[in-house]
Each structure stands twice: as C-alpha cells, then as structure tokens.
C-alpha cells in the first residue's frame, strides 16, 4: 500500500488547505483502493494526512483494511520539517498505531507502539532520517533542479533498513498526458516480482500528483493511481 500512498499526494505552496481524492486500479482486479489526502498549513506549521481504504476484492482479501499516514511539523524557509509521523492500520478487528517522534538535534527517532488502542512499547528507532516520506514528497520542488541527476534522500517510510529513496526525472514520459514525470525507487516491493519503482505524473504549476504507476506487478498488469477530485480552500 506504500505505493498507493505515494500516488495519493498533492501539494501547492500557496494554499492553506488542499483536499484530493484518488483511486487505484490493478489489472483485472479493477479498483482496489480509494484515498483522500489533506494538507493544511499556516505560516509556521503544517499537517498532512492520507487515508487509504481498500475496495472490492482487495477489501475482502485484506479484511477491509484501512491505513492512515500523518505528518506534523513546522515550516522553515518553505521547507517542511516533521516532528511527528503517525501510521495507523486497521485490518479486521486488529488495529496497529505507530507514533514516530523526531529529535533533529540529537538525530534520533523514537517509536511508540499501540495495539488495539493499548500501549505496546516505546523504543529508539533503527535509524534517523531528517524527513518522513510525506514531507519529502512535498519538499521535492526545492530539491529537484537537474533533470539528468539521480537524487538520493533518506526519509522515514522509504527503504526499511535506512529510509533511502532515489528520485529522478524520467528520461521519457511514460504517461499519455502532459506533466512532469518523476521516477522514485523506494527499494520496497509491493508484491513479489516488482522492482520497487514508482512513476508519478505531476502538474508542474502546483505540484499536484495526477497519476502514478507501478509497472507490471506480478506480471498481471500495472498498479495505477489517478486523481479523481481536487479542492483547495481558500
């Protein structure tokens, strides 16, 4: 579901509140998930949340799984700096919640775990990263300048062992639509057989993700996400 999450991101540097709705389709399974994303900010603080819900056969197979991802932090020099990253997963009657607290001065992350709303442990996380996967995406316009360069970042929610993610502009736009094509390697597989690579089509004017693809998953078909509704206030 991590790739579905990244297909469901959106960004505008000048808006206070954005809401986007996406759907994901996979081969002959059809629509397997829908998602809503929210971005709120003022001059100094931000909050991002994405809620992903499985649909159809995928819902049946996953016991109607719901996932939520939240990033909370400050804005400094137009850059999002997370202080808290929250993941939530509900599958049947089981609920898992993880709260990650960033200490940027000490360069550590603390993870607090809950299971079915009960405290389940607190520990120092395996590695430190200056961003989570949500804030990194929203910060990409500040980083991506050279169209021929592969950029390496470290973000909580990317590669499991260290948070590595590589991002570059596509050499060729694989989408049949206008926009900026971005290629991201999170080194995490969706299903056995794929290479962990995500392609995004982004509106260059406001950095809204329009479409996303993971190619040839399980040799059945592409996992595709697309924007179906977008609102901004004011």
C-alpha atoms as a PDB file:
ATOM      1  CA  UNK A   1       0.000   0.000   0.000  1.00  0.00           C
ATOM      2  CA  UNK A   2       3.017   2.278   0.266  1.00  0.00           C
ATOM      3  CA  UNK A   3       2.960   2.965  -3.465  1.00  0.00           C
ATOM      4  CA  UNK A   4      -0.753   3.679  -3.404  1.00  0.00           C
ATOM      5  CA  UNK A   5       0.007   6.188  -0.661  1.00  0.00           C
ATOM      6  CA  UNK A   6       2.546   7.981  -2.835  1.00  0.00           C
ATOM      7  CA  UNK A   7       0.128   8.103  -5.737  1.00  0.00           C
ATOM      8  CA  UNK A   8      -2.210   9.991  -3.416  1.00  0.00           C
ATOM      9  CA  UNK A   9      -0.036  13.021  -2.674  1.00  0.00           C
ATOM     10  CA  UNK A  10      -0.657  16.619  -3.619  1.00  0.00           C
ATOM     11  CA  UNK A  11       0.936  19.980  -2.991  1.00  0.00           C
ATOM     12  CA  UNK A  12       0.556  23.718  -3.507  1.00  0.00           C
ATOM     13  CA  UNK A  13       2.941  26.130  -1.882  1.00  0.00           C
ATOM     14  CA  UNK A  14       0.422  28.935  -1.554  1.00  0.00           C
ATOM     15  CA  UNK A  15      -2.789  27.233  -0.375  1.00  0.00           C
ATOM     16  CA  UNK A  16      -3.896  26.839   3.228  1.00  0.00           C
ATOM     17  CA  UNK A  17      -5.994  23.703   2.804  1.00  0.00           C
ATOM     18  CA  UNK A  18      -5.981  21.139  -0.001  1.00  0.00           C
ATOM     19  CA  UNK A  19      -8.111  18.038  -0.382  1.00  0.00           C
ATOM     20  CA  UNK A  20      -7.555  15.385  -3.036  1.00  0.00           C
ATOM     21  CA  UNK A  21      -9.338  12.125  -3.806  1.00  0.00           C
ATOM     22  CA  UNK A  22      -7.689   9.294  -5.726  1.00  0.00           C
ATOM     23  CA  UNK A  23      -8.439   5.764  -6.843  1.00  0.00           C
ATOM     24  CA  UNK A  24      -6.095   2.877  -7.569  1.00  0.00           C
ATOM     25  CA  UNK A  25      -6.655   0.076 -10.090  1.00  0.00           C
ATOM     26  CA  UNK A  26      -4.733  -3.135 -10.576  1.00  0.00           C
ATOM     27  CA  UNK A  27      -5.064  -5.311 -13.660  1.00  0.00           C
ATOM     28  CA  UNK A  28      -8.265  -7.307 -13.910  1.00  0.00           C
ATOM     29  CA  UNK A  29      -8.957  -6.707 -10.189  1.00  0.00           C
ATOM     30  CA  UNK A  30     -10.236  -3.241 -11.111  1.00  0.00           C
ATOM     31  CA  UNK A  31     -10.421  -0.618  -8.354  1.00  0.00           C
ATOM     32  CA  UNK A  32      -8.594  -1.936  -5.299  1.00  0.00           C
ATOM     33  CA  UNK A  33      -8.404   1.227  -3.183  1.00  0.00           C
ATOM     34  CA  UNK A  34      -9.508   4.822  -2.801  1.00  0.00           C
ATOM     35  CA  UNK A  35      -7.825   7.547  -0.805  1.00  0.00           C
ATOM     36  CA  UNK A  36      -8.264  11.057   0.476  1.00  0.00           C
ATOM     37  CA  UNK A  37      -5.374  13.369   1.170  1.00  0.00           C
ATOM     38  CA  UNK A  38      -5.410  16.547   3.241  1.00  0.00           C
ATOM     39  CA  UNK A  39      -2.807  19.280   3.525  1.00  0.00           C
ATOM     40  CA  UNK A  40      -3.201  22.148   5.993  1.00  0.00           C
ATOM     41  CA  UNK A  41      -0.728  24.874   6.821  1.00  0.00           C
ATOM     42  CA  UNK A  42      -0.257  28.360   8.168  1.00  0.00           C
ATOM     43  CA  UNK A  43       2.888  30.492   8.228  1.00  0.00           C
ATOM     44  CA  UNK A  44       4.751  28.222  10.633  1.00  0.00           C
ATOM     45  CA  UNK A  45       3.076  24.803  10.908  1.00  0.00           C
ATOM     46  CA  UNK A  46       1.690  22.066   8.677  1.00  0.00           C
ATOM     47  CA  UNK A  47      -0.271  18.822   8.845  1.00  0.00           C
ATOM     48  CA  UNK A  48      -0.583  16.199   6.107  1.00  0.00           C
ATOM     49  CA  UNK A  49      -2.864  13.178   6.264  1.00  0.00           C
ATOM     50  CA  UNK A  50      -3.659  10.447   3.767  1.00  0.00           C
ATOM     51  CA  UNK A  51      -6.377   7.844   4.360  1.00  0.00           C
ATOM     52  CA  UNK A  52      -6.363   4.739   2.160  1.00  0.00           C
ATOM     53  CA  UNK A  53      -9.301   2.305   2.064  1.00  0.00           C
ATOM     54  CA  UNK A  54      -9.335  -0.976   0.176  1.00  0.00           C
ATOM     55  CA  UNK A  55     -12.214  -1.706  -2.183  1.00  0.00           C
ATOM     56  CA  UNK A  56     -13.786  -4.695  -3.948  1.00  0.00           C
ATOM     57  CA  UNK A  57     -11.911  -7.992  -3.889  1.00  0.00           C
ATOM     58  CA  UNK A  58      -8.907  -6.318  -2.264  1.00  0.00           C
ATOM     59  CA  UNK A  59     -11.124  -5.302   0.660  1.00  0.00           C
ATOM     60  CA  UNK A  60     -12.347  -8.857   1.098  1.00  0.00           C
ATOM     61  CA  UNK A  61      -8.838 -10.324   0.950  1.00  0.00           C
ATOM     62  CA  UNK A  62      -7.429  -7.724   3.359  1.00  0.00           C
ATOM     63  CA  UNK A  63     -10.353  -7.804   5.821  1.00  0.00           C
ATOM     64  CA  UNK A  64     -11.359  -4.298   4.722  1.00  0.00           C
ATOM     65  CA  UNK A  65      -8.019  -2.782   5.598  1.00  0.00           C
ATOM     66  CA  UNK A  66      -7.757   0.948   6.286  1.00  0.00           C
ATOM     67  CA  UNK A  67      -4.465   2.811   6.533  1.00  0.00           C
ATOM     68  CA  UNK A  68      -3.732   6.363   7.667  1.00  0.00           C
ATOM     69  CA  UNK A  69      -0.476   8.287   7.413  1.00  0.00           C
ATOM     70  CA  UNK A  70       0.037  11.635   9.140  1.00  0.00           C
ATOM     71  CA  UNK A  71       2.949  14.062   9.164  1.00  0.00           C
ATOM     72  CA  UNK A  72       3.007  17.028  11.559  1.00  0.00           C
ATOM     73  CA  UNK A  73       5.705  19.654  11.819  1.00  0.00           C
ATOM     74  CA  UNK A  74       6.916  23.170  11.127  1.00  0.00           C
ATOM     75  CA  UNK A  75       7.693  25.204   8.016  1.00  0.00           C
ATOM     76  CA  UNK A  76      11.071  26.889   7.776  1.00  0.00           C
ATOM     77  CA  UNK A  77      12.290  28.631   4.615  1.00  0.00           C
ATOM     78  CA  UNK A  78       9.407  26.964   2.718  1.00  0.00           C
ATOM     79  CA  UNK A  79      10.671  23.535   3.801  1.00  0.00           C
ATOM     80  CA  UNK A  80       8.530  21.091   5.761  1.00  0.00           C
ATOM     81  CA  UNK A  81      10.335  19.758   8.837  1.00  0.00           C
ATOM     82  CA  UNK A  82       8.489  16.900  10.570  1.00  0.00           C
ATOM     83  CA  UNK A  83       8.347  16.479  14.330  1.00  0.00           C
ATOM     84  CA  UNK A  84       5.819  13.654  14.344  1.00  0.00           C
ATOM     85  CA  UNK A  85       4.895  10.903  11.876  1.00  0.00           C
ATOM     86  CA  UNK A  86       1.946   8.604  12.618  1.00  0.00           C
ATOM     87  CA  UNK A  87       0.961   5.388  10.880  1.00  0.00           C
ATOM     88  CA  UNK A  88      -2.302   3.546  11.520  1.00  0.00           C
ATOM     89  CA  UNK A  89      -3.548   0.253  10.108  1.00  0.00           C
ATOM     90  CA  UNK A  90      -6.860  -1.471  10.772  1.00  0.00           C
ATOM     91  CA  UNK A  91      -7.375  -4.973   9.438  1.00  0.00           C
ATOM     92  CA  UNK A  92     -10.475  -6.771  10.642  1.00  0.00           C
ATOM     93  CA  UNK A  93     -10.640  -6.355  14.414  1.00  0.00           C
ATOM     94  CA  UNK A  94      -6.932  -5.574  14.778  1.00  0.00           C
ATOM     95  CA  UNK A  95      -5.570  -2.020  14.949  1.00  0.00           C
ATOM     96  CA  UNK A  96      -1.929  -1.020  14.830  1.00  0.00           C
ATOM     97  CA  UNK A  97      -0.711   2.503  15.529  1.00  0.00           C
ATOM     98  CA  UNK A  98       2.858   3.801  15.464  1.00  0.00           C
ATOM     99  CA  UNK A  99       3.953   7.286  16.523  1.00  0.00           C
ATOM    100  CA  UNK A 100       7.422   8.373  15.427  1.00  0.00           C
ATOM    101  CA  UNK A 101       8.914  11.379  17.242  1.00  0.00           C
ATOM    102  CA  UNK A 102      11.814  13.219  15.579  1.00  0.00           C
ATOM    103  CA  UNK A 103      14.642  14.741  17.602  1.00  0.00           C
ATOM    104  CA  UNK A 104      16.562  16.623  14.939  1.00  0.00           C
ATOM    105  CA  UNK A 105      19.179  17.950  17.352  1.00  0.00           C
ATOM    106  CA  UNK A 106      20.136  14.506  18.631  1.00  0.00           C
ATOM    107  CA  UNK A 107      19.398  12.933  15.222  1.00  0.00           C
ATOM    108  CA  UNK A 108      17.204  10.221  16.681  1.00  0.00           C
ATOM    109  CA  UNK A 109      13.664   8.945  16.171  1.00  0.00           C
ATOM    110  CA  UNK A 110      11.580   7.403  18.967  1.00  0.00           C
ATOM    111  CA  UNK A 111       8.826   4.939  18.089  1.00  0.00           C
ATOM    112  CA  UNK A 112       5.778   4.463  20.327  1.00  0.00           C
ATOM    113  CA  UNK A 113       3.575   1.443  19.573  1.00  0.00           C
ATOM    114  CA  UNK A 114      -0.102   0.776  20.217  1.00  0.00           C
ATOM    115  CA  UNK A 115      -2.146  -2.359  19.544  1.00  0.00           C
ATOM    116  CA  UNK A 116      -5.951  -2.141  19.722  1.00  0.00           C
ATOM    117  CA  UNK A 117      -5.630   1.245  21.477  1.00  0.00           C
ATOM    118  CA  UNK A 118      -3.353  -0.156  24.201  1.00  0.00           C
ATOM    119  CA  UNK A 119       0.246   0.900  24.763  1.00  0.00           C
ATOM    120  CA  UNK A 120       2.546  -1.750  23.294  1.00  0.00           C
ATOM    121  CA  UNK A 121       6.046  -0.382  23.801  1.00  0.00           C
ATOM    122  CA  UNK A 122       8.463   2.500  23.265  1.00  0.00           C
ATOM    123  CA  UNK A 123      11.878   2.260  21.635  1.00  0.00           C
ATOM    124  CA  UNK A 124      14.588   4.104  19.783  1.00  0.00           C
ATOM    125  CA  UNK A 125      14.044   3.582  16.072  1.00  0.00           C
ATOM    126  CA  UNK A 126      16.634   1.775  13.958  1.00  0.00           C
ATOM    127  CA  UNK A 127      17.794   4.833  12.061  1.00  0.00           C
ATOM    128  CA  UNK A 128      17.439   8.613  11.856  1.00  0.00           C
ATOM    129  CA  UNK A 129      16.154  10.444   8.794  1.00  0.00           C
ATOM    130  CA  UNK A 130      15.540  14.198   8.557  1.00  0.00           C
ATOM    131  CA  UNK A 131      12.163  13.741   6.817  1.00  0.00           C
ATOM    132  CA  UNK A 132       9.302  11.307   6.506  1.00  0.00           C
ATOM    133  CA  UNK A 133       8.011  10.127   3.136  1.00  0.00           C
ATOM    134  CA  UNK A 134       5.166  12.681   3.111  1.00  0.00           C
ATOM    135  CA  UNK A 135       7.246  15.744   3.927  1.00  0.00           C
ATOM    136  CA  UNK A 136       9.937  14.604   1.491  1.00  0.00           C
ATOM    137  CA  UNK A 137       7.461  14.486  -1.370  1.00  0.00           C
ATOM    138  CA  UNK A 138       6.238  17.974  -0.597  1.00  0.00           C
ATOM    139  CA  UNK A 139       9.824  19.242  -0.375  1.00  0.00           C
ATOM    140  CA  UNK A 140      10.856  17.812  -3.752  1.00  0.00           C
ATOM    141  CA  UNK A 141      10.298  21.080  -5.674  1.00  0.00           C
ATOM    142  CA  UNK A 142      13.075  22.583  -3.521  1.00  0.00           C
ATOM    143  CA  UNK A 143      15.492  19.794  -4.391  1.00  0.00           C
ATOM    144  CA  UNK A 144      14.901  18.671  -7.959  1.00  0.00           C
ATOM    145  CA  UNK A 145      16.786  21.029 -10.253  1.00  0.00           C
ATOM    146  CA  UNK A 146      18.962  18.940 -12.576  1.00  0.00           C
ATOM    147  CA  UNK A 147      16.940  16.774 -14.972  1.00  0.00           C
ATOM    148  CA  UNK A 148      19.908  14.469 -15.563  1.00  0.00           C
ATOM    149  CA  UNK A 149      20.734  13.780 -11.919  1.00  0.00           C
ATOM    150  CA  UNK A 150      19.601  10.962  -9.629  1.00  0.00           C
ATOM    151  CA  UNK A 151      18.912  12.400  -6.179  1.00  0.00           C
ATOM    152  CA  UNK A 152      19.304  10.250  -3.056  1.00  0.00           C
ATOM    153  CA  UNK A 153      17.261  11.103   0.034  1.00  0.00           C
ATOM    154  CA  UNK A 154      16.604   9.470   3.400  1.00  0.00           C
ATOM    155  CA  UNK A 155      13.072   9.502   4.731  1.00  0.00           C
ATOM    156  CA  UNK A 156      11.112   7.558   7.309  1.00  0.00           C
ATOM    157  CA  UNK A 157       8.766   5.260   5.397  1.00  0.00           C
ATOM    158  CA  UNK A 158      11.104   4.531   2.477  1.00  0.00           C
ATOM    159  CA  UNK A 159      13.633   1.647   2.459  1.00  0.00           C
ATOM    160  CA  UNK A 160      13.115  -0.387   5.601  1.00  0.00           C
ATOM    161  CA  UNK A 161      16.674  -0.562   6.831  1.00  0.00           C
ATOM    162  CA  UNK A 162      17.744   3.071   6.362  1.00  0.00           C
ATOM    163  CA  UNK A 163      14.986   5.134   4.689  1.00  0.00           C
ATOM    164  CA  UNK A 164      16.784   5.531   1.385  1.00  0.00           C
ATOM    165  CA  UNK A 165      14.846   6.675  -1.685  1.00  0.00           C
ATOM    166  CA  UNK A 166      16.264   7.656  -5.090  1.00  0.00           C
ATOM    167  CA  UNK A 167      14.377  10.187  -7.222  1.00  0.00           C
ATOM    168  CA  UNK A 168      14.977  11.495 -10.723  1.00  0.00           C
ATOM    169  CA  UNK A 169      13.142  12.938 -13.697  1.00  0.00           C
ATOM    170  CA  UNK A 170      12.039  10.278 -16.187  1.00  0.00           C
ATOM    171  CA  UNK A 171      14.099  10.122 -19.353  1.00  0.00           C
ATOM    172  CA  UNK A 172      10.805   9.656 -21.196  1.00  0.00           C
ATOM    173  CA  UNK A 173       7.273  10.456 -20.043  1.00  0.00           C
ATOM    174  CA  UNK A 174       5.535   7.058 -19.806  1.00  0.00           C
ATOM    175  CA  UNK A 175       2.112   8.634 -19.296  1.00  0.00           C
ATOM    176  CA  UNK A 176      -0.238   9.608 -22.113  1.00  0.00           C
ATOM    177  CA  UNK A 177      -0.794  13.010 -20.511  1.00  0.00           C
ATOM    178  CA  UNK A 178       1.087  16.269 -20.070  1.00  0.00           C
ATOM    179  CA  UNK A 179       3.022  16.847 -16.890  1.00  0.00           C
ATOM    180  CA  UNK A 180       6.347  16.213 -15.168  1.00  0.00           C
ATOM    181  CA  UNK A 181       7.269  12.533 -14.941  1.00  0.00           C
ATOM    182  CA  UNK A 182       9.159  11.529 -11.794  1.00  0.00           C
ATOM    183  CA  UNK A 183      10.730   8.135 -11.086  1.00  0.00           C
ATOM    184  CA  UNK A 184      11.191   7.030  -7.469  1.00  0.00           C
ATOM    185  CA  UNK A 185      12.910   3.916  -6.141  1.00  0.00           C
ATOM    186  CA  UNK A 186      11.961   3.192  -2.530  1.00  0.00           C
ATOM    187  CA  UNK A 187      13.652  -0.241  -2.568  1.00  0.00           C
ATOM    188  CA  UNK A 188      10.480  -1.763  -1.108  1.00  0.00           C
ATOM    189  CA  UNK A 189       8.401  -4.172  -3.140  1.00  0.00           C
ATOM    190  CA  UNK A 190       4.617  -4.033  -3.315  1.00  0.00           C
ATOM    191  CA  UNK A 191       4.321  -7.676  -4.324  1.00  0.00           C
ATOM    192  CA  UNK A 192       6.858 -10.341  -5.128  1.00  0.00           C
ATOM    193  CA  UNK A 193       8.146  -9.676  -8.619  1.00  0.00           C
ATOM    194  CA  UNK A 194       8.109  -5.906  -8.913  1.00  0.00           C
ATOM    195  CA  UNK A 195      11.284  -3.877  -8.579  1.00  0.00           C
ATOM    196  CA  UNK A 196      10.044  -1.304  -6.082  1.00  0.00           C
ATOM    197  CA  UNK A 197       9.909   1.546  -8.608  1.00  0.00           C
ATOM    198  CA  UNK A 198       7.127   4.114  -8.775  1.00  0.00           C
ATOM    199  CA  UNK A 199       6.403   6.577 -11.593  1.00  0.00           C
ATOM    200  CA  UNK A 200       4.466   9.787 -10.890  1.00  0.00           C
ATOM    201  CA  UNK A 201       2.947  12.342 -13.251  1.00  0.00           C
ATOM    202  CA  UNK A 202       2.886  15.762 -11.598  1.00  0.00           C
ATOM    203  CA  UNK A 203       1.302  19.080 -12.556  1.00  0.00           C
ATOM    204  CA  UNK A 204       4.302  21.382 -12.697  1.00  0.00           C
ATOM    205  CA  UNK A 205       2.275  24.503 -11.878  1.00  0.00           C
ATOM    206  CA  UNK A 206       1.028  23.372  -8.450  1.00  0.00           C
ATOM    207  CA  UNK A 207       2.875  20.061  -7.836  1.00  0.00           C
ATOM    208  CA  UNK A 208      -0.349  18.080  -7.696  1.00  0.00           C
ATOM    209  CA  UNK A 209       0.126  14.383  -8.458  1.00  0.00           C
ATOM    210  CA  UNK A 210      -2.122  13.477 -11.375  1.00  0.00           C
ATOM    211  CA  UNK A 211      -1.259   9.807 -11.902  1.00  0.00           C
ATOM    212  CA  UNK A 212       1.013   7.078 -10.567  1.00  0.00           C
ATOM    213  CA  UNK A 213       2.125   3.669 -11.844  1.00  0.00           C
ATOM    214  CA  UNK A 214       3.987   0.632 -10.558  1.00  0.00           C
ATOM    215  CA  UNK A 215       4.776  -1.341 -13.724  1.00  0.00           C
ATOM    216  CA  UNK A 216       3.829  -4.987 -14.375  1.00  0.00           C
ATOM    217  CA  UNK A 217       3.057  -6.123 -10.823  1.00  0.00           C
ATOM    218  CA  UNK A 218       3.099  -9.946 -10.598  1.00  0.00           C
ATOM    219  CA  UNK A 219       3.141  -9.915 -14.437  1.00  0.00           C
ATOM    220  CA  UNK A 220      -0.630  -9.383 -14.341  1.00  0.00           C
ATOM    221  CA  UNK A 221      -0.783  -5.660 -15.005  1.00  0.00           C
ATOM    222  CA  UNK A 222       0.171  -2.202 -13.828  1.00  0.00           C
ATOM    223  CA  UNK A 223      -0.859  -0.817 -10.439  1.00  0.00           C
ATOM    224  CA  UNK A 224      -2.286   2.588 -11.363  1.00  0.00           C
ATOM    225  CA  UNK A 225      -3.468   5.542  -9.310  1.00  0.00           C
ATOM    226  CA  UNK A 226      -5.175   8.685 -10.597  1.00  0.00           C
ATOM    227  CA  UNK A 227      -6.638  11.922  -9.290  1.00  0.00           C
ATOM    228  CA  UNK A 228     -10.446  11.984  -9.407  1.00  0.00           C
ATOM    229  CA  UNK A 229     -11.220  15.117  -7.360  1.00  0.00           C
ATOM    230  CA  UNK A 230      -9.270  18.126  -6.098  1.00  0.00           C
ATOM    231  CA  UNK A 231     -10.264  21.106  -3.965  1.00  0.00           C
ATOM    232  CA  UNK A 232      -8.404  23.943  -2.316  1.00  0.00           C
ATOM    233  CA  UNK A 233      -9.552  26.457   0.291  1.00  0.00           C
ATOM    234  CA  UNK A 234      -9.431  29.382   0.057  1.00  0.00           C
END
